[in-house]
Amino acid sequence: MTPLLNLARGVDRLNAWVGKSVIWLILIAVLISAGNAIVRKVFNYSSNALLELQWYLFSAVFLLGAAYTLQRNEHVRIDVIAGKFSKRTQTWIDVFGTVFFLLPVTIMVLWLSWPVFTQSFHSQDYSNSAGGLILWPARLLVPVGFLLLTLQGFSELIKRLAFLAGAGPDPTDRHGEKSAEEELAEAIRRAEELKQQEPRS
């Protein structure tokens, strides 16, 4: 099990790096959107290329960050029933879902999206919009994103099987890390404390 766990840790490191990197694309997309809006209002000029670039960046965040989201167990899930089961039963449910739902879908999308990318790359097709961008970089995001998601699916499967075999820790235990909800609540609490400390006029 040790080599498989080492492989899982390598996949986790890769997707953590990718996920934390693509976060910056959100800032870039916001700046482009704001700049495009200002130019349109002030100079009465707009660029389809800049609009499409925002879509590309959003797609990159969504597709390339999906594996990191899975790693952090932040995907939307309905735990009304599963949350009442023991940790081992919940882990078996995750194993079942990964093997019969997640991995088949990600592998199928990866398989089907690669020819779409290669055809777009060889034909060098552009957007139908005037001044639009070339399409193959956007089409490449789909197989790359689903490849990362497939790798992370295998990583999560390995970690859960190791936990069930008693050879690894609970993969859902964050080891002191805060959830997104906890981080948001803490940020709101800090903002309220700062507001209370401000001198009132």
C-alpha atoms as a PDB file:
ATOM      1  CA  MET A   1       0.000   0.000   0.000  1.00  0.00           C
ATOM      2  CA  THR A   2       2.927   2.352   0.631  1.00  0.00           C
ATOM      3  CA  PRO A   3       3.835   2.871  -3.061  1.00  0.00           C
ATOM      4  CA  LEU A   4       0.184   3.602  -3.857  1.00  0.00           C
ATOM      5  CA  LEU A   5      -0.051   6.099  -0.999  1.00  0.00           C
ATOM      6  CA  ASN A   6       3.140   7.768  -2.236  1.00  0.00           C
ATOM      7  CA  LEU A   7       1.542   8.008  -5.684  1.00  0.00           C
ATOM      8  CA  ALA A   8      -1.596   9.497  -4.128  1.00  0.00           C
ATOM      9  CA  ARG A   9       0.483  12.089  -2.263  1.00  0.00           C
ATOM     10  CA  GLY A  10       2.219  13.017  -5.516  1.00  0.00           C
ATOM     11  CA  VAL A  11      -1.138  13.519  -7.243  1.00  0.00           C
ATOM     12  CA  ASP A  12      -2.339  15.572  -4.264  1.00  0.00           C
ATOM     13  CA  ARG A  13       0.721  17.832  -4.473  1.00  0.00           C
ATOM     14  CA  LEU A  14       0.248  18.323  -8.220  1.00  0.00           C
ATOM     15  CA  ASN A  15      -3.422  19.229  -7.948  1.00  0.00           C
ATOM     16  CA  ALA A  16      -2.850  21.427  -4.903  1.00  0.00           C
ATOM     17  CA  TRP A  17      -0.259  23.388  -6.887  1.00  0.00           C
ATOM     18  CA  VAL A  18      -2.551  23.662  -9.918  1.00  0.00           C
ATOM     19  CA  GLY A  19      -5.560  24.610  -7.792  1.00  0.00           C
ATOM     20  CA  LYS A  20      -3.733  27.314  -5.856  1.00  0.00           C
ATOM     21  CA  SER A  21      -2.230  28.671  -9.078  1.00  0.00           C
ATOM     22  CA  VAL A  22      -5.475  28.995 -11.034  1.00  0.00           C
ATOM     23  CA  ILE A  23      -6.991  31.029  -8.201  1.00  0.00           C
ATOM     24  CA  TRP A  24      -5.014  33.981  -9.587  1.00  0.00           C
ATOM     25  CA  LEU A  25      -6.868  33.663 -12.889  1.00  0.00           C
ATOM     26  CA  ILE A  26      -9.964  34.950 -11.106  1.00  0.00           C
ATOM     27  CA  LEU A  27      -8.159  38.211 -10.315  1.00  0.00           C
ATOM     28  CA  ILE A  28      -6.936  38.480 -13.907  1.00  0.00           C
ATOM     29  CA  ALA A  29     -10.475  37.887 -15.222  1.00  0.00           C
ATOM     30  CA  VAL A  30     -11.866  40.577 -12.898  1.00  0.00           C
ATOM     31  CA  LEU A  31      -9.214  43.083 -14.013  1.00  0.00           C
ATOM     32  CA  ILE A  32      -9.870  42.340 -17.693  1.00  0.00           C
ATOM     33  CA  SER A  33     -13.618  42.652 -17.149  1.00  0.00           C
ATOM     34  CA  ALA A  34     -13.224  45.960 -15.324  1.00  0.00           C
ATOM     35  CA  GLY A  35     -10.795  47.306 -17.935  1.00  0.00           C
ATOM     36  CA  ASN A  36     -13.062  46.272 -20.787  1.00  0.00           C
ATOM     37  CA  ALA A  37     -16.055  47.944 -19.115  1.00  0.00           C
ATOM     38  CA  ILE A  38     -14.131  51.175 -18.521  1.00  0.00           C
ATOM     39  CA  VAL A  39     -12.862  51.299 -22.113  1.00  0.00           C
ATOM     40  CA  ARG A  40     -16.382  50.649 -23.419  1.00  0.00           C
ATOM     41  CA  LYS A  41     -17.882  53.473 -21.336  1.00  0.00           C
ATOM     42  CA  VAL A  42     -15.086  56.015 -21.836  1.00  0.00           C
ATOM     43  CA  PHE A  43     -13.993  55.337 -25.412  1.00  0.00           C
ATOM     44  CA  ASN A  44     -17.104  53.572 -26.757  1.00  0.00           C
ATOM     45  CA  TYR A  45     -14.936  50.604 -27.763  1.00  0.00           C
ATOM     46  CA  SER A  46     -15.315  46.934 -26.921  1.00  0.00           C
ATOM     47  CA  SER A  47     -13.267  43.857 -27.763  1.00  0.00           C
ATOM     48  CA  ASN A  48     -14.692  40.401 -28.405  1.00  0.00           C
ATOM     49  CA  ALA A  49     -11.233  38.994 -27.743  1.00  0.00           C
ATOM     50  CA  LEU A  50     -11.251  40.390 -24.210  1.00  0.00           C
ATOM     51  CA  LEU A  51     -14.746  39.058 -23.603  1.00  0.00           C
ATOM     52  CA  GLU A  52     -13.750  35.594 -24.804  1.00  0.00           C
ATOM     53  CA  LEU A  53     -10.551  35.749 -22.763  1.00  0.00           C
ATOM     54  CA  GLN A  54     -12.699  36.170 -19.650  1.00  0.00           C
ATOM     55  CA  TRP A  55     -14.620  33.020 -20.640  1.00  0.00           C
ATOM     56  CA  TYR A  56     -11.347  31.154 -21.182  1.00  0.00           C
ATOM     57  CA  LEU A  57     -10.078  32.188 -17.756  1.00  0.00           C
ATOM     58  CA  PHE A  58     -13.327  31.211 -16.055  1.00  0.00           C
ATOM     59  CA  SER A  59     -13.242  27.845 -17.839  1.00  0.00           C
ATOM     60  CA  ALA A  60      -9.648  27.309 -16.709  1.00  0.00           C
ATOM     61  CA  VAL A  61     -10.549  28.023 -13.085  1.00  0.00           C
ATOM     62  CA  PHE A  62     -13.545  25.688 -13.213  1.00  0.00           C
ATOM     63  CA  LEU A  63     -11.892  22.807 -15.097  1.00  0.00           C
ATOM     64  CA  LEU A  64      -8.370  22.933 -13.662  1.00  0.00           C
ATOM     65  CA  GLY A  65      -9.575  23.612 -10.123  1.00  0.00           C
ATOM     66  CA  ALA A  66     -12.092  20.742 -10.016  1.00  0.00           C
ATOM     67  CA  ALA A  67      -9.472  18.191  -8.934  1.00  0.00           C
ATOM     68  CA  TYR A  68      -8.247  20.425  -6.099  1.00  0.00           C
ATOM     69  CA  THR A  69     -11.863  20.893  -5.001  1.00  0.00           C
ATOM     70  CA  LEU A  70     -12.301  17.093  -4.920  1.00  0.00           C
ATOM     71  CA  GLN A  71      -9.078  16.733  -2.946  1.00  0.00           C
ATOM     72  CA  ARG A  72     -10.386  19.173  -0.319  1.00  0.00           C
ATOM     73  CA  ASN A  73     -13.748  17.349  -0.258  1.00  0.00           C
ATOM     74  CA  GLU A  74     -15.523  20.598  -1.190  1.00  0.00           C
ATOM     75  CA  HIS A  75     -17.732  19.258  -3.983  1.00  0.00           C
ATOM     76  CA  VAL A  76     -21.459  19.587  -3.407  1.00  0.00           C
ATOM     77  CA  ARG A  77     -22.838  16.455  -1.833  1.00  0.00           C
ATOM     78  CA  ILE A  78     -26.048  15.496  -0.049  1.00  0.00           C
ATOM     79  CA  ASP A  79     -25.193  14.048   3.357  1.00  0.00           C
ATOM     80  CA  VAL A  80     -28.703  13.891   4.788  1.00  0.00           C
ATOM     81  CA  ILE A  81     -28.580  10.083   4.771  1.00  0.00           C
ATOM     82  CA  ALA A  82     -24.859   9.286   4.506  1.00  0.00           C
ATOM     83  CA  GLY A  83     -24.028  11.627   7.395  1.00  0.00           C
ATOM     84  CA  LYS A  84     -25.899   9.295   9.762  1.00  0.00           C
ATOM     85  CA  PHE A  85     -23.687   6.323   8.940  1.00  0.00           C
ATOM     86  CA  SER A  86     -20.372   5.406  10.531  1.00  0.00           C
ATOM     87  CA  LYS A  87     -17.133   6.729   9.073  1.00  0.00           C
ATOM     88  CA  ARG A  88     -16.355   3.340   7.516  1.00  0.00           C
ATOM     89  CA  THR A  89     -19.773   3.158   5.851  1.00  0.00           C
ATOM     90  CA  GLN A  90     -19.348   6.697   4.517  1.00  0.00           C
ATOM     91  CA  THR A  91     -15.946   5.695   3.170  1.00  0.00           C
ATOM     92  CA  TRP A  92     -17.451   2.658   1.417  1.00  0.00           C
ATOM     93  CA  ILE A  93     -20.061   4.947  -0.148  1.00  0.00           C
ATOM     94  CA  ASP A  94     -17.229   7.174  -1.418  1.00  0.00           C
ATOM     95  CA  VAL A  95     -15.415   4.138  -2.833  1.00  0.00           C
ATOM     96  CA  PHE A  96     -18.585   2.973  -4.596  1.00  0.00           C
ATOM     97  CA  GLY A  97     -19.281   6.450  -6.003  1.00  0.00           C
ATOM     98  CA  THR A  98     -15.699   6.873  -7.176  1.00  0.00           C
ATOM     99  CA  VAL A  99     -15.490   3.488  -8.907  1.00  0.00           C
ATOM    100  CA  PHE A 100     -18.941   3.416 -10.513  1.00  0.00           C
ATOM    101  CA  PHE A 101     -19.704   7.098 -11.117  1.00  0.00           C
ATOM    102  CA  LEU A 102     -16.739   9.488 -10.893  1.00  0.00           C
ATOM    103  CA  LEU A 103     -14.025   7.556 -12.710  1.00  0.00           C
ATOM    104  CA  PRO A 104     -16.214   6.197 -15.558  1.00  0.00           C
ATOM    105  CA  VAL A 105     -17.523   9.698 -16.294  1.00  0.00           C
ATOM    106  CA  THR A 106     -14.139  11.438 -16.123  1.00  0.00           C
ATOM    107  CA  ILE A 107     -12.453   8.790 -18.276  1.00  0.00           C
ATOM    108  CA  MET A 108     -15.275   8.922 -20.834  1.00  0.00           C
ATOM    109  CA  VAL A 109     -15.150  12.747 -21.062  1.00  0.00           C
ATOM    110  CA  LEU A 110     -11.352  12.614 -21.312  1.00  0.00           C
ATOM    111  CA  TRP A 111     -11.594  10.037 -24.116  1.00  0.00           C
ATOM    112  CA  LEU A 112     -14.239  11.975 -26.049  1.00  0.00           C
ATOM    113  CA  SER A 113     -12.756  15.459 -25.592  1.00  0.00           C
ATOM    114  CA  TRP A 114      -9.243  14.661 -26.825  1.00  0.00           C
ATOM    115  CA  PRO A 115     -10.240  14.213 -30.521  1.00  0.00           C
ATOM    116  CA  VAL A 116     -12.203  17.489 -30.336  1.00  0.00           C
ATOM    117  CA  PHE A 117      -9.054  19.259 -29.163  1.00  0.00           C
ATOM    118  CA  THR A 118      -6.774  17.636 -31.756  1.00  0.00           C
ATOM    119  CA  GLN A 119      -9.174  18.472 -34.589  1.00  0.00           C
ATOM    120  CA  SER A 120      -9.392  22.082 -33.392  1.00  0.00           C
ATOM    121  CA  PHE A 121      -5.605  22.296 -33.072  1.00  0.00           C
ATOM    122  CA  HIS A 122      -4.916  20.968 -36.573  1.00  0.00           C
ATOM    123  CA  SER A 123      -7.586  23.124 -38.217  1.00  0.00           C
ATOM    124  CA  GLN A 124      -6.598  26.205 -36.192  1.00  0.00           C
ATOM    125  CA  ASP A 125     -10.244  27.264 -36.027  1.00  0.00           C
ATOM    126  CA  TYR A 126     -11.233  30.620 -34.567  1.00  0.00           C
ATOM    127  CA  SER A 127     -14.311  31.903 -32.816  1.00  0.00           C
ATOM    128  CA  ASN A 128     -17.181  33.007 -35.039  1.00  0.00           C
ATOM    129  CA  SER A 129     -17.201  36.402 -33.319  1.00  0.00           C
ATOM    130  CA  ALA A 130     -15.409  39.253 -35.047  1.00  0.00           C
ATOM    131  CA  GLY A 131     -11.951  39.581 -33.545  1.00  0.00           C
ATOM    132  CA  GLY A 132     -12.491  36.415 -31.500  1.00  0.00           C
ATOM    133  CA  LEU A 133      -9.776  34.126 -30.177  1.00  0.00           C
ATOM    134  CA  ILE A 134      -8.413  30.863 -31.482  1.00  0.00           C
ATOM    135  CA  LEU A 135     -10.365  27.949 -29.981  1.00  0.00           C
ATOM    136  CA  TRP A 136      -7.910  25.117 -29.415  1.00  0.00           C
ATOM    137  CA  PRO A 137      -6.525  26.433 -26.067  1.00  0.00           C
ATOM    138  CA  ALA A 138     -10.056  26.457 -24.650  1.00  0.00           C
ATOM    139  CA  ARG A 139     -10.730  22.980 -26.025  1.00  0.00           C
ATOM    140  CA  LEU A 140      -7.473  21.740 -24.450  1.00  0.00           C
ATOM    141  CA  LEU A 141      -8.743  22.754 -21.011  1.00  0.00           C
ATOM    142  CA  VAL A 142     -11.387  19.999 -21.089  1.00  0.00           C
ATOM    143  CA  PRO A 143      -9.098  16.941 -21.437  1.00  0.00           C
ATOM    144  CA  VAL A 144      -6.456  18.457 -19.155  1.00  0.00           C
ATOM    145  CA  GLY A 145      -9.031  19.276 -16.494  1.00  0.00           C
ATOM    146  CA  PHE A 146     -10.610  15.830 -16.661  1.00  0.00           C
ATOM    147  CA  LEU A 147      -7.188  14.161 -16.637  1.00  0.00           C
ATOM    148  CA  LEU A 148      -6.378  15.958 -13.374  1.00  0.00           C
ATOM    149  CA  LEU A 149      -9.820  15.016 -12.019  1.00  0.00           C
ATOM    150  CA  THR A 150      -9.294  11.368 -13.013  1.00  0.00           C
ATOM    151  CA  LEU A 151      -5.903  11.290 -11.283  1.00  0.00           C
ATOM    152  CA  GLN A 152      -7.414  12.845  -8.176  1.00  0.00           C
ATOM    153  CA  GLY A 153     -10.222  10.295  -8.279  1.00  0.00           C
ATOM    154  CA  PHE A 154      -7.647   7.490  -8.177  1.00  0.00           C
ATOM    155  CA  SER A 155      -5.818   9.286  -5.371  1.00  0.00           C
ATOM    156  CA  GLU A 156      -9.005   9.568  -3.308  1.00  0.00           C
ATOM    157  CA  LEU A 157      -9.782   5.911  -3.998  1.00  0.00           C
ATOM    158  CA  ILE A 158      -6.321   4.820  -2.818  1.00  0.00           C
ATOM    159  CA  LYS A 159      -6.575   6.894   0.366  1.00  0.00           C
ATOM    160  CA  ARG A 160     -10.003   5.516   1.204  1.00  0.00           C
ATOM    161  CA  LEU A 161      -9.016   1.907   0.576  1.00  0.00           C
ATOM    162  CA  ALA A 162      -5.939   2.444   2.737  1.00  0.00           C
ATOM    163  CA  PHE A 163      -8.143   3.822   5.504  1.00  0.00           C
ATOM    164  CA  LEU A 164     -10.490   0.833   5.274  1.00  0.00           C
ATOM    165  CA  ALA A 165      -7.495  -1.524   5.426  1.00  0.00           C
ATOM    166  CA  GLY A 166      -6.116   0.275   8.467  1.00  0.00           C
ATOM    167  CA  ALA A 167      -3.047   1.372   6.514  1.00  0.00           C
ATOM    168  CA  GLY A 168      -3.784   5.077   6.291  1.00  0.00           C
ATOM    169  CA  PRO A 169      -5.443   7.987   8.075  1.00  0.00           C
ATOM    170  CA  ASP A 170      -9.005   9.157   7.541  1.00  0.00           C
ATOM    171  CA  PRO A 171      -8.858  11.006   4.182  1.00  0.00           C
ATOM    172  CA  THR A 172     -11.659  13.351   5.220  1.00  0.00           C
ATOM    173  CA  ASP A 173      -9.794  14.510   8.339  1.00  0.00           C
ATOM    174  CA  ARG A 174      -8.349  17.946   7.594  1.00  0.00           C
ATOM    175  CA  HIS A 175      -5.710  17.737  10.340  1.00  0.00           C
ATOM    176  CA  GLY A 176      -6.515  21.183  11.678  1.00  0.00           C
ATOM    177  CA  GLU A 177      -7.410  22.748   8.326  1.00  0.00           C
ATOM    178  CA  LYS A 178     -10.531  24.891   8.305  1.00  0.00           C
ATOM    179  CA  SER A 179     -13.368  24.281   5.864  1.00  0.00           C
ATOM    180  CA  ALA A 180     -14.425  27.002   3.438  1.00  0.00           C
ATOM    181  CA  GLU A 181     -17.446  27.716   5.656  1.00  0.00           C
ATOM    182  CA  GLU A 182     -15.244  28.010   8.757  1.00  0.00           C
ATOM    183  CA  GLU A 183     -12.836  30.352   6.955  1.00  0.00           C
ATOM    184  CA  LEU A 184     -15.750  32.543   5.815  1.00  0.00           C
ATOM    185  CA  ALA A 185     -17.252  32.633   9.313  1.00  0.00           C
ATOM    186  CA  GLU A 186     -13.873  33.586  10.751  1.00  0.00           C
ATOM    187  CA  ALA A 187     -13.426  36.374   8.191  1.00  0.00           C
ATOM    188  CA  ILE A 188     -16.888  37.752   9.004  1.00  0.00           C
ATOM    189  CA  ARG A 189     -16.142  37.586  12.728  1.00  0.00           C
ATOM    190  CA  ARG A 190     -12.850  39.462  12.249  1.00  0.00           C
ATOM    191  CA  ALA A 191     -14.590  42.121  10.152  1.00  0.00           C
ATOM    192  CA  GLU A 192     -17.223  42.607  12.840  1.00  0.00           C
ATOM    193  CA  GLU A 193     -14.554  42.901  15.538  1.00  0.00           C
ATOM    194  CA  LEU A 194     -12.685  45.534  13.516  1.00  0.00           C
ATOM    195  CA  LYS A 195     -15.895  47.435  12.952  1.00  0.00           C
ATOM    196  CA  GLN A 196     -16.630  47.460  16.684  1.00  0.00           C
ATOM    197  CA  GLN A 197     -13.115  48.717  17.441  1.00  0.00           C
ATOM    198  CA  GLU A 198     -13.469  51.718  15.110  1.00  0.00           C
ATOM    199  CA  PRO A 199     -13.995  54.958  17.024  1.00  0.00           C
ATOM    200  CA  ARG A 200     -17.515  56.278  16.647  1.00  0.00           C
ATOM    201  CA  SER A 201     -17.891  59.928  15.609  1.00  0.00           C
END
